[in-house]
Amino acid sequence: MQYSLSHHKLKLILAAQGLKTGDAGGIDQLFGGKDGYYWYGTVRDMCPEGKTLAWENQYAMVAAIQAHENATAEEDEMKPQVPSAANIAALSKLLGDPI
C-alpha cells in the first residue's frame, strides 16, 4: 500500500471526524491515543505547505517520520520521541492511499 501526506489531506482527515486543528483530545484519539496530537503535529510540520509527500510502504513512511523527529529533536537538543504501535497503526490507517 502507498501512503501520502499533505496539509490538504490532514485537513480532510480532521474534517471527516468533525475535528478542528486545536482539538487536542480528539486528535490524540484519532492519531493513536497517547501522544497522538504530538505525532499529528510532527507529520504536519514535516510536510511543506502546498506539497505532498509519498511513500511506497509503511516502513518508508515510519522511517521518514522518525528521521524528521530525530532531526527536529537534535536541533532542539532534546531526546527524540518514538511513536507507539498505536500511533503507527493510526498514522498508517489515516495516511494510506486506497487503490
C-alpha atoms as a PDB file:
ATOM      1  CA  MET A   1       0.000   0.000   0.000  1.00  0.00           C
ATOM      2  CA  GLN A   2       1.163   3.518  -0.694  1.00  0.00           C
ATOM      3  CA  TYR A   3       0.966   6.369   1.798  1.00  0.00           C
ATOM      4  CA  SER A   4       0.826  10.115   1.312  1.00  0.00           C
ATOM      5  CA  LEU A   5       0.766  13.262   3.389  1.00  0.00           C
ATOM      6  CA  SER A   6      -0.237  16.839   2.673  1.00  0.00           C
ATOM      7  CA  HIS A   7      -1.767  19.692   4.617  1.00  0.00           C
ATOM      8  CA  HIS A   8      -4.890  19.279   2.497  1.00  0.00           C
ATOM      9  CA  LYS A   9      -5.144  15.582   3.365  1.00  0.00           C
ATOM     10  CA  LEU A  10      -4.711  16.322   7.077  1.00  0.00           C
ATOM     11  CA  LYS A  11      -7.490  18.928   6.892  1.00  0.00           C
ATOM     12  CA  LEU A  12      -9.771  16.390   5.181  1.00  0.00           C
ATOM     13  CA  ILE A  13      -8.957  13.740   7.809  1.00  0.00           C
ATOM     14  CA  LEU A  14      -9.868  16.111  10.645  1.00  0.00           C
ATOM     15  CA  ALA A  15     -12.984  17.394   8.874  1.00  0.00           C
ATOM     16  CA  ALA A  16     -14.225  13.834   8.281  1.00  0.00           C
ATOM     17  CA  GLN A  17     -14.139  13.317  12.059  1.00  0.00           C
ATOM     18  CA  GLY A  18     -15.646  16.708  12.866  1.00  0.00           C
ATOM     19  CA  LEU A  19     -12.388  17.891  14.446  1.00  0.00           C
ATOM     20  CA  LYS A  20     -10.639  21.246  14.308  1.00  0.00           C
ATOM     21  CA  THR A  21      -6.855  21.699  14.454  1.00  0.00           C
ATOM     22  CA  GLY A  22      -6.973  22.790  18.101  1.00  0.00           C
ATOM     23  CA  ASP A  23      -8.982  19.789  19.348  1.00  0.00           C
ATOM     24  CA  ALA A  24      -6.072  18.107  21.123  1.00  0.00           C
ATOM     25  CA  GLY A  25      -8.168  15.409  22.791  1.00  0.00           C
ATOM     26  CA  GLY A  26      -9.950  14.374  19.614  1.00  0.00           C
ATOM     27  CA  ILE A  27      -6.748  14.432  17.582  1.00  0.00           C
ATOM     28  CA  ASP A  28      -4.983  12.419  20.304  1.00  0.00           C
ATOM     29  CA  GLN A  29      -7.581   9.664  19.929  1.00  0.00           C
ATOM     30  CA  LEU A  30      -7.612   9.823  16.123  1.00  0.00           C
ATOM     31  CA  PHE A  31      -3.824   9.525  15.883  1.00  0.00           C
ATOM     32  CA  GLY A  32      -3.425   6.591  18.250  1.00  0.00           C
ATOM     33  CA  GLY A  33      -4.189   7.785  21.755  1.00  0.00           C
ATOM     34  CA  LYS A  34      -1.326   8.907  23.986  1.00  0.00           C
ATOM     35  CA  ASP A  35       0.867  11.410  22.083  1.00  0.00           C
ATOM     36  CA  GLY A  36      -1.441  11.311  19.049  1.00  0.00           C
ATOM     37  CA  TYR A  37      -1.610  15.101  18.924  1.00  0.00           C
ATOM     38  CA  TYR A  38       2.190  15.228  19.070  1.00  0.00           C
ATOM     39  CA  TRP A  39       2.523  12.937  16.055  1.00  0.00           C
ATOM     40  CA  TYR A  40      -0.184  14.835  14.173  1.00  0.00           C
ATOM     41  CA  GLY A  41       1.890  17.985  14.692  1.00  0.00           C
ATOM     42  CA  THR A  42       5.052  16.188  13.657  1.00  0.00           C
ATOM     43  CA  VAL A  43       3.654  14.995  10.324  1.00  0.00           C
ATOM     44  CA  ARG A  44       2.008  18.372   9.700  1.00  0.00           C
ATOM     45  CA  ASP A  45       5.330  20.135  10.316  1.00  0.00           C
ATOM     46  CA  MET A  46       7.353  17.746   8.162  1.00  0.00           C
ATOM     47  CA  CYS A  47       5.241  18.398   5.064  1.00  0.00           C
ATOM     48  CA  PRO A  48       5.759  21.714   3.261  1.00  0.00           C
ATOM     49  CA  GLU A  49       2.556  23.684   2.685  1.00  0.00           C
ATOM     50  CA  GLY A  50       1.201  23.003  -0.816  1.00  0.00           C
ATOM     51  CA  LYS A  51       3.309  19.855  -1.296  1.00  0.00           C
ATOM     52  CA  THR A  52       2.549  16.154  -0.996  1.00  0.00           C
ATOM     53  CA  LEU A  53       4.942  13.609   0.457  1.00  0.00           C
ATOM     54  CA  ALA A  54       4.514   9.996  -0.645  1.00  0.00           C
ATOM     55  CA  TRP A  55       5.939   6.640   0.381  1.00  0.00           C
ATOM     56  CA  GLU A  56       5.765   3.214  -1.228  1.00  0.00           C
ATOM     57  CA  ASN A  57       5.149   1.345   2.017  1.00  0.00           C
ATOM     58  CA  GLN A  58       4.503   1.708   5.727  1.00  0.00           C
ATOM     59  CA  TYR A  59       8.139   1.152   6.663  1.00  0.00           C
ATOM     60  CA  ALA A  60       9.327   4.016   4.464  1.00  0.00           C
ATOM     61  CA  MET A  61       6.642   6.295   5.910  1.00  0.00           C
ATOM     62  CA  VAL A  62       7.530   5.444   9.519  1.00  0.00           C
ATOM     63  CA  ALA A  63      11.252   5.838   8.768  1.00  0.00           C
ATOM     64  CA  ALA A  64      10.641   9.300   7.266  1.00  0.00           C
ATOM     65  CA  ILE A  65       8.561  10.388  10.248  1.00  0.00           C
ATOM     66  CA  GLN A  66      11.212   9.134  12.674  1.00  0.00           C
ATOM     67  CA  ALA A  67      14.010  10.801  10.685  1.00  0.00           C
ATOM     68  CA  HIS A  68      12.137  14.105  10.854  1.00  0.00           C
ATOM     69  CA  GLU A  69      11.581  13.632  14.596  1.00  0.00           C
ATOM     70  CA  ASN A  70      15.263  12.805  15.122  1.00  0.00           C
ATOM     71  CA  ALA A  71      16.416  15.890  13.196  1.00  0.00           C
ATOM     72  CA  THR A  72      13.983  18.190  14.996  1.00  0.00           C
ATOM     73  CA  ALA A  73      14.943  16.802  18.405  1.00  0.00           C
ATOM     74  CA  GLU A  74      18.627  17.259  17.616  1.00  0.00           C
ATOM     75  CA  GLU A  75      18.015  20.899  16.637  1.00  0.00           C
ATOM     76  CA  ASP A  76      16.180  21.412  19.928  1.00  0.00           C
ATOM     77  CA  GLU A  77      18.855  19.464  21.844  1.00  0.00           C
ATOM     78  CA  MET A  78      16.263  17.017  23.139  1.00  0.00           C
ATOM     79  CA  LYS A  79      15.868  13.266  23.047  1.00  0.00           C
ATOM     80  CA  PRO A  80      13.702  12.194  20.076  1.00  0.00           C
ATOM     81  CA  GLN A  81      10.384  10.518  20.768  1.00  0.00           C
ATOM     82  CA  VAL A  82       9.357   7.241  19.144  1.00  0.00           C
ATOM     83  CA  PRO A  83       5.773   6.635  18.026  1.00  0.00           C
ATOM     84  CA  SER A  84       3.961   3.819  19.796  1.00  0.00           C
ATOM     85  CA  ALA A  85       2.497   0.865  17.928  1.00  0.00           C
ATOM     86  CA  ALA A  86      -0.915   2.539  18.306  1.00  0.00           C
ATOM     87  CA  ASN A  87       0.414   5.796  16.822  1.00  0.00           C
ATOM     88  CA  ILE A  88       1.940   3.914  13.875  1.00  0.00           C
ATOM     89  CA  ALA A  89      -1.271   1.945  13.293  1.00  0.00           C
ATOM     90  CA  ALA A  90      -3.338   5.145  13.306  1.00  0.00           C
ATOM     91  CA  LEU A  91      -0.922   7.008  11.017  1.00  0.00           C
ATOM     92  CA  SER A  92      -0.894   4.051   8.636  1.00  0.00           C
ATOM     93  CA  LYS A  93      -4.677   3.876   8.547  1.00  0.00           C
ATOM     94  CA  LEU A  94      -5.102   7.622   8.071  1.00  0.00           C
ATOM     95  CA  LEU A  95      -2.329   8.213   5.534  1.00  0.00           C
ATOM     96  CA  GLY A  96      -2.846   5.051   3.478  1.00  0.00           C
ATOM     97  CA  ASP A  97      -3.956   5.638  -0.095  1.00  0.00           C
ATOM     98  CA  PRO A  98      -6.740   3.439  -1.431  1.00  0.00           C
ATOM     99  CA  ILE A  99      -6.039   1.753  -4.726  1.00  0.00           C
END
